[in-house]
Protein backbone atom coordinates (compact mmCIF):
# COMPACT_ATOMS: atom_id res chain seq x y z
CA UNK A 1 26.27 -125.97 -98.32
CA UNK A 2 24.68 -128.98 -100.00
CA UNK A 3 26.94 -131.72 -101.32
CA UNK A 4 25.75 -134.34 -103.79
CA UNK A 5 27.82 -137.49 -104.12
CA UNK A 6 27.67 -139.07 -107.56
CA UNK A 7 29.14 -142.59 -107.74
CA UNK A 8 31.44 -143.75 -110.53
CA UNK A 9 29.55 -145.01 -113.58
CA UNK A 10 29.78 -145.92 -117.28
CA UNK A 11 27.53 -143.45 -119.14
CA UNK A 12 26.57 -145.79 -122.01
CA UNK A 13 25.54 -148.50 -119.53
CA UNK A 14 23.96 -146.36 -116.79
CA UNK A 15 21.97 -143.97 -119.01
CA UNK A 16 19.38 -145.09 -121.57
CA UNK A 17 19.62 -142.94 -124.69
CA UNK A 18 18.59 -142.87 -128.33
CA UNK A 19 20.91 -144.13 -131.06
CA UNK A 20 23.29 -141.38 -132.14
CA UNK A 21 23.72 -139.90 -128.65
CA UNK A 22 27.24 -138.46 -128.28
CA UNK A 23 26.93 -136.68 -124.93
CA UNK A 24 24.52 -136.14 -122.05
CA UNK A 25 24.18 -132.92 -120.07
CA UNK A 26 23.18 -133.49 -116.44
CA UNK A 27 21.40 -130.40 -115.10
CA UNK A 28 21.08 -130.06 -111.32
CA UNK A 29 18.89 -127.49 -109.56
CA UNK A 30 18.41 -127.04 -105.81
CA UNK A 31 16.12 -124.74 -103.84
CA UNK A 32 15.44 -124.45 -100.13
CA UNK A 33 13.02 -122.75 -97.79
CA UNK A 34 12.31 -122.52 -94.09
CA UNK A 35 9.34 -124.80 -93.43
CA UNK A 36 7.84 -122.65 -90.65
CA UNK A 37 8.07 -119.28 -92.38
CA UNK A 38 8.04 -120.29 -96.06
CA UNK A 39 10.92 -117.90 -96.67
CA UNK A 40 13.41 -119.04 -99.31
CA UNK A 41 16.84 -119.94 -97.95
CA UNK A 42 18.53 -120.04 -101.34
CA UNK A 43 18.91 -121.81 -104.62
CA UNK A 44 21.61 -122.90 -107.01
CA UNK A 45 22.13 -124.81 -110.22
CA UNK A 46 24.94 -126.39 -112.20
CA UNK A 47 25.43 -128.79 -115.06
CA UNK A 48 27.91 -131.49 -116.03
CA UNK A 49 28.45 -132.82 -119.55
CA UNK A 50 29.33 -136.49 -119.95
CA UNK A 51 30.58 -138.10 -123.14
CA UNK A 52 28.21 -140.94 -123.96
CA UNK A 53 30.60 -143.87 -124.09
CA UNK A 54 31.84 -146.80 -122.02
CA UNK A 55 34.67 -144.90 -120.30
CA UNK A 56 34.20 -144.84 -116.53
CA UNK A 57 33.41 -141.46 -115.00
CA UNK A 58 35.03 -141.33 -111.54
CA UNK A 59 33.04 -140.59 -108.39
CA UNK A 60 32.24 -136.90 -108.09
CA UNK A 61 31.15 -134.55 -105.33
CA UNK A 62 29.06 -131.61 -106.47
CA UNK A 63 28.81 -128.71 -104.03
CA UNK A 64 25.87 -126.32 -104.28
CA UNK A 65 25.79 -123.18 -102.09
CA UNK A 66 22.35 -123.69 -100.54
CA UNK A 67 21.96 -123.42 -96.75
CA UNK A 68 20.70 -126.63 -95.15
CA UNK A 69 19.87 -125.35 -91.67
CA UNK A 70 17.50 -127.08 -89.25
CA UNK A 71 13.86 -126.65 -90.21
CA UNK A 72 14.67 -126.30 -93.90
CA UNK A 73 13.09 -128.09 -96.82
CA UNK A 74 15.54 -128.65 -99.67
CA UNK A 75 14.32 -129.85 -103.08
CA UNK A 76 16.75 -131.18 -105.68
CA UNK A 77 15.87 -131.79 -109.32
CA UNK A 78 18.08 -133.43 -111.92
CA UNK A 79 17.23 -133.64 -115.60
CA UNK A 80 19.16 -134.89 -118.61
CA UNK A 81 19.60 -133.34 -122.05
CA UNK A 82 20.83 -135.54 -124.89
CA UNK A 83 23.14 -134.36 -127.68
CA UNK A 84 22.50 -136.47 -130.79
CA UNK A 85 24.20 -136.81 -134.14
CA UNK A 86 21.99 -137.86 -137.04
CA UNK A 87 23.28 -138.63 -140.52
CA UNK A 88 26.77 -137.56 -139.49
CA UNK A 89 25.79 -134.03 -138.41
C-alpha cells in the first residue's frame, strides 16, 4: 500500500491558475514494477477536486493499493485540471 501525505494548503495561494478558475481536479496515478524482472506489481489512480478559493484544505492522506515491496520501482504522477468559468458560464 502506498500512502501519499498532502499537507494543508490554501488552493488560491498554492496553485497558480487562470482568471475564472472555480475548481482544480488533482489527478494522481501510481504504477510499480519489480526492478530485476520488469514485471508490473500494480497500479492505481484517484482524483480529488478542490474548490479554488482561500479556504484551507486540511492535511490529507491518500492511500493507493500498489505494493511497495523491496526491489520495486514505484512511479507517481500528479497532474491538475482546471475548471474555468468565462462570461458567467
